[in-house]
Amino acid sequence: MRNKPFQDYGQVSEGNTDSREKSLTIARLADSKKAVDVVALDMRKVSGLCDYFVICSGSSDKMLKAISDNIREFLKKQGISPAHVEGEQEAKWILMDYGDVIVHIFHEEKRSFYNLERLWKDAKKLKLA
């Protein structure tokens, strides 16, 4: 997804957006912090867990933290906070639960080990750019 930078992150708020727009905004925010291989999966037909997964990776603990901070800060300004966040201390796999959208920010080797894209291969990928 590093082909071109996103200029507009979109305007999201709890009251006026759907989960698809929120997932695309989160993908753009991750991309803006140089996340690698950003993918958004439509989970609605394959799982009752959430509507969308956003999956991305980074090459260092610092990078993962920067990606998660960017997502959290932008959405917080829009009045949206995660219900739960895990993994920030270890910064190898940060999971951010926004209810309808779950964000997975992986260290590169953890992402290849868990391979969520293969596990959820029946989920449709959203076009991000």
C-alpha atoms as a PDB file:
ATOM      1  CA  MET A   1       0.000   0.000   0.000  1.00  0.00           C
ATOM      2  CA  ARG A   2       3.034   2.298   0.019  1.00  0.00           C
ATOM      3  CA  ASN A   3       2.448   3.321  -3.593  1.00  0.00           C
ATOM      4  CA  LYS A   4       1.093   6.767  -2.799  1.00  0.00           C
ATOM      5  CA  PRO A   5       0.460   8.585   0.463  1.00  0.00           C
ATOM      6  CA  PHE A   6      -3.102   9.257   1.543  1.00  0.00           C
ATOM      7  CA  GLN A   7      -3.887  12.949   1.755  1.00  0.00           C
ATOM      8  CA  ASP A   8      -7.324  12.739   3.334  1.00  0.00           C
ATOM      9  CA  TYR A   9      -7.982  10.512   6.348  1.00  0.00           C
ATOM     10  CA  GLY A  10     -11.716  10.989   6.142  1.00  0.00           C
ATOM     11  CA  GLN A  11     -14.071  12.337   8.741  1.00  0.00           C
ATOM     12  CA  VAL A  12     -15.338   9.714  11.126  1.00  0.00           C
ATOM     13  CA  SER A  13     -17.355   9.948  14.296  1.00  0.00           C
ATOM     14  CA  GLU A  14     -19.347   7.461  16.278  1.00  0.00           C
ATOM     15  CA  GLY A  15     -22.635   8.878  15.078  1.00  0.00           C
ATOM     16  CA  ASN A  16     -22.133   9.436  11.360  1.00  0.00           C
ATOM     17  CA  THR A  17     -19.957   6.719   9.879  1.00  0.00           C
ATOM     18  CA  ASP A  18     -20.229   3.118   8.956  1.00  0.00           C
ATOM     19  CA  SER A  19     -17.685   0.484   9.831  1.00  0.00           C
ATOM     20  CA  ARG A  20     -16.393   0.323   6.247  1.00  0.00           C
ATOM     21  CA  GLU A  21     -15.428   4.001   6.281  1.00  0.00           C
ATOM     22  CA  LYS A  22     -13.866   3.598   9.718  1.00  0.00           C
ATOM     23  CA  SER A  23     -11.762   0.650   8.514  1.00  0.00           C
ATOM     24  CA  LEU A  24     -10.578   2.615   5.468  1.00  0.00           C
ATOM     25  CA  THR A  25      -9.698   5.603   7.642  1.00  0.00           C
ATOM     26  CA  ILE A  26      -7.716   3.345   9.988  1.00  0.00           C
ATOM     27  CA  ALA A  27      -5.884   1.832   7.002  1.00  0.00           C
ATOM     28  CA  ARG A  28      -4.964   5.336   5.785  1.00  0.00           C
ATOM     29  CA  LEU A  29      -3.756   6.316   9.242  1.00  0.00           C
ATOM     30  CA  ALA A  30      -1.554   3.209   9.423  1.00  0.00           C
ATOM     31  CA  ASP A  31      -0.199   3.924   5.949  1.00  0.00           C
ATOM     32  CA  SER A  32       0.642   7.496   6.929  1.00  0.00           C
ATOM     33  CA  LYS A  33       3.022   6.087   9.561  1.00  0.00           C
ATOM     34  CA  LYS A  34       4.697   3.854   6.970  1.00  0.00           C
ATOM     35  CA  ALA A  35       2.935   0.629   7.941  1.00  0.00           C
ATOM     36  CA  VAL A  36       3.764  -2.235   5.581  1.00  0.00           C
ATOM     37  CA  ASP A  37       1.242  -4.392   3.673  1.00  0.00           C
ATOM     38  CA  VAL A  38      -1.888  -2.701   4.975  1.00  0.00           C
ATOM     39  CA  VAL A  39      -4.944  -4.906   4.391  1.00  0.00           C
ATOM     40  CA  ALA A  40      -8.609  -4.391   5.283  1.00  0.00           C
ATOM     41  CA  LEU A  41     -10.792  -7.498   5.354  1.00  0.00           C
ATOM     42  CA  ASP A  42     -14.590  -7.510   5.225  1.00  0.00           C
ATOM     43  CA  MET A  43     -15.459  -9.975   7.999  1.00  0.00           C
ATOM     44  CA  ARG A  44     -19.250  -9.603   7.878  1.00  0.00           C
ATOM     45  CA  LYS A  45     -19.906 -12.820   5.929  1.00  0.00           C
ATOM     46  CA  VAL A  46     -17.250 -14.972   7.608  1.00  0.00           C
ATOM     47  CA  SER A  47     -17.416 -14.033  11.301  1.00  0.00           C
ATOM     48  CA  GLY A  48     -19.682 -12.450  13.879  1.00  0.00           C
ATOM     49  CA  LEU A  49     -16.619 -11.049  15.652  1.00  0.00           C
ATOM     50  CA  CYS A  50     -16.649  -7.668  13.912  1.00  0.00           C
ATOM     51  CA  ASP A  51     -17.374  -6.058  10.555  1.00  0.00           C
ATOM     52  CA  TYR A  52     -13.774  -5.436   9.452  1.00  0.00           C
ATOM     53  CA  PHE A  53     -10.183  -6.329  10.277  1.00  0.00           C
ATOM     54  CA  VAL A  54      -7.389  -3.923   9.444  1.00  0.00           C
ATOM     55  CA  ILE A  55      -4.028  -5.723   9.392  1.00  0.00           C
ATOM     56  CA  CYS A  56      -0.632  -4.109   8.958  1.00  0.00           C
ATOM     57  CA  SER A  57       2.977  -4.534   9.996  1.00  0.00           C
ATOM     58  CA  GLY A  58       6.009  -2.598  11.030  1.00  0.00           C
ATOM     59  CA  SER A  59       9.688  -3.358  11.330  1.00  0.00           C
ATOM     60  CA  SER A  60      10.287  -2.193  14.910  1.00  0.00           C
ATOM     61  CA  ASP A  61       8.587  -1.867  18.282  1.00  0.00           C
ATOM     62  CA  LYS A  62       8.798   1.910  17.940  1.00  0.00           C
ATOM     63  CA  MET A  63       7.078   1.809  14.557  1.00  0.00           C
ATOM     64  CA  LEU A  64       4.211  -0.348  15.874  1.00  0.00           C
ATOM     65  CA  LYS A  65       3.700   2.085  18.741  1.00  0.00           C
ATOM     66  CA  ALA A  66       3.724   5.072  16.341  1.00  0.00           C
ATOM     67  CA  ILE A  67       1.099   3.392  14.144  1.00  0.00           C
ATOM     68  CA  SER A  68      -1.182   2.580  17.090  1.00  0.00           C
ATOM     69  CA  ASP A  69      -0.741   6.059  18.607  1.00  0.00           C
ATOM     70  CA  ASN A  70      -1.632   7.714  15.304  1.00  0.00           C
ATOM     71  CA  ILE A  71      -4.810   5.659  14.959  1.00  0.00           C
ATOM     72  CA  ARG A  72      -5.848   6.200  18.576  1.00  0.00           C
ATOM     73  CA  GLU A  73      -5.173   9.959  18.570  1.00  0.00           C
ATOM     74  CA  PHE A  74      -7.005  10.657  15.325  1.00  0.00           C
ATOM     75  CA  LEU A  75     -10.077   8.612  16.258  1.00  0.00           C
ATOM     76  CA  LYS A  76     -10.117  10.084  19.769  1.00  0.00           C
ATOM     77  CA  LYS A  77     -10.419  13.558  18.212  1.00  0.00           C
ATOM     78  CA  GLN A  78     -13.452  12.194  16.341  1.00  0.00           C
ATOM     79  CA  GLY A  79     -15.003  10.959  19.615  1.00  0.00           C
ATOM     80  CA  ILE A  80     -14.114   7.291  19.065  1.00  0.00           C
ATOM     81  CA  SER A  81     -12.145   5.297  21.622  1.00  0.00           C
ATOM     82  CA  PRO A  82     -11.151   1.629  21.518  1.00  0.00           C
ATOM     83  CA  ALA A  83     -13.082  -0.740  23.755  1.00  0.00           C
ATOM     84  CA  HIS A  84      -9.865  -2.628  24.408  1.00  0.00           C
ATOM     85  CA  VAL A  85      -6.178  -2.533  23.467  1.00  0.00           C
ATOM     86  CA  GLU A  86      -3.691  -5.369  23.956  1.00  0.00           C
ATOM     87  CA  GLY A  87       0.008  -5.830  23.324  1.00  0.00           C
ATOM     88  CA  GLU A  88       1.296  -2.264  23.583  1.00  0.00           C
ATOM     89  CA  GLN A  89       3.877  -3.154  26.237  1.00  0.00           C
ATOM     90  CA  GLU A  90       5.437  -5.946  24.186  1.00  0.00           C
ATOM     91  CA  ALA A  91       4.824  -4.194  20.825  1.00  0.00           C
ATOM     92  CA  LYS A  92       5.026  -7.403  18.789  1.00  0.00           C
ATOM     93  CA  TRP A  93       1.279  -7.615  18.040  1.00  0.00           C
ATOM     94  CA  ILE A  94      -0.933  -4.715  19.033  1.00  0.00           C
ATOM     95  CA  LEU A  95      -4.659  -5.376  18.878  1.00  0.00           C
ATOM     96  CA  MET A  96      -7.075  -2.438  18.998  1.00  0.00           C
ATOM     97  CA  ASP A  97     -10.764  -3.284  19.356  1.00  0.00           C
ATOM     98  CA  TYR A  98     -13.076  -0.588  18.030  1.00  0.00           C
ATOM     99  CA  GLY A  99     -16.106  -2.895  18.188  1.00  0.00           C
ATOM    100  CA  ASP A 100     -17.028  -3.005  14.517  1.00  0.00           C
ATOM    101  CA  VAL A 101     -13.371  -2.758  13.428  1.00  0.00           C
ATOM    102  CA  ILE A 102     -10.485  -4.704  14.940  1.00  0.00           C
ATOM    103  CA  VAL A 103      -6.982  -3.481  14.160  1.00  0.00           C
ATOM    104  CA  HIS A 104      -4.000  -5.872  14.144  1.00  0.00           C
ATOM    105  CA  ILE A 105      -0.585  -4.190  14.067  1.00  0.00           C
ATOM    106  CA  PHE A 106       2.129  -6.826  13.790  1.00  0.00           C
ATOM    107  CA  HIS A 107       5.875  -6.930  13.972  1.00  0.00           C
ATOM    108  CA  GLU A 108       6.795  -8.436  10.591  1.00  0.00           C
ATOM    109  CA  GLU A 109       7.849 -11.892  11.829  1.00  0.00           C
ATOM    110  CA  LYS A 110       4.762 -12.236  14.035  1.00  0.00           C
ATOM    111  CA  ARG A 111       2.508 -11.401  11.120  1.00  0.00           C
ATOM    112  CA  SER A 112       3.993 -14.142   8.951  1.00  0.00           C
ATOM    113  CA  PHE A 113       3.749 -16.613  11.851  1.00  0.00           C
ATOM    114  CA  TYR A 114       0.063 -15.948  12.620  1.00  0.00           C
ATOM    115  CA  ASN A 115      -0.888 -15.253   8.978  1.00  0.00           C
ATOM    116  CA  LEU A 116      -4.387 -13.913   9.666  1.00  0.00           C
ATOM    117  CA  GLU A 117      -4.958 -13.339   5.962  1.00  0.00           C
ATOM    118  CA  ARG A 118      -4.659 -17.091   5.357  1.00  0.00           C
ATOM    119  CA  LEU A 119      -6.781 -17.938   8.394  1.00  0.00           C
ATOM    120  CA  TRP A 120      -9.545 -15.601   7.158  1.00  0.00           C
ATOM    121  CA  LYS A 121      -8.944 -16.235   3.431  1.00  0.00           C
ATOM    122  CA  ASP A 122     -12.695 -16.245   2.715  1.00  0.00           C
ATOM    123  CA  ALA A 123     -12.983 -12.614   3.815  1.00  0.00           C
ATOM    124  CA  LYS A 124     -13.136 -10.106   0.969  1.00  0.00           C
ATOM    125  CA  LYS A 125     -10.266  -7.591   0.789  1.00  0.00           C
ATOM    126  CA  LEU A 126     -11.238  -3.958   0.486  1.00  0.00           C
ATOM    127  CA  LYS A 127      -9.585  -1.799  -2.137  1.00  0.00           C
ATOM    128  CA  LEU A 128      -7.522   0.721  -0.190  1.00  0.00           C
ATOM    129  CA  ALA A 129      -6.205   3.170  -2.766  1.00  0.00           C
END
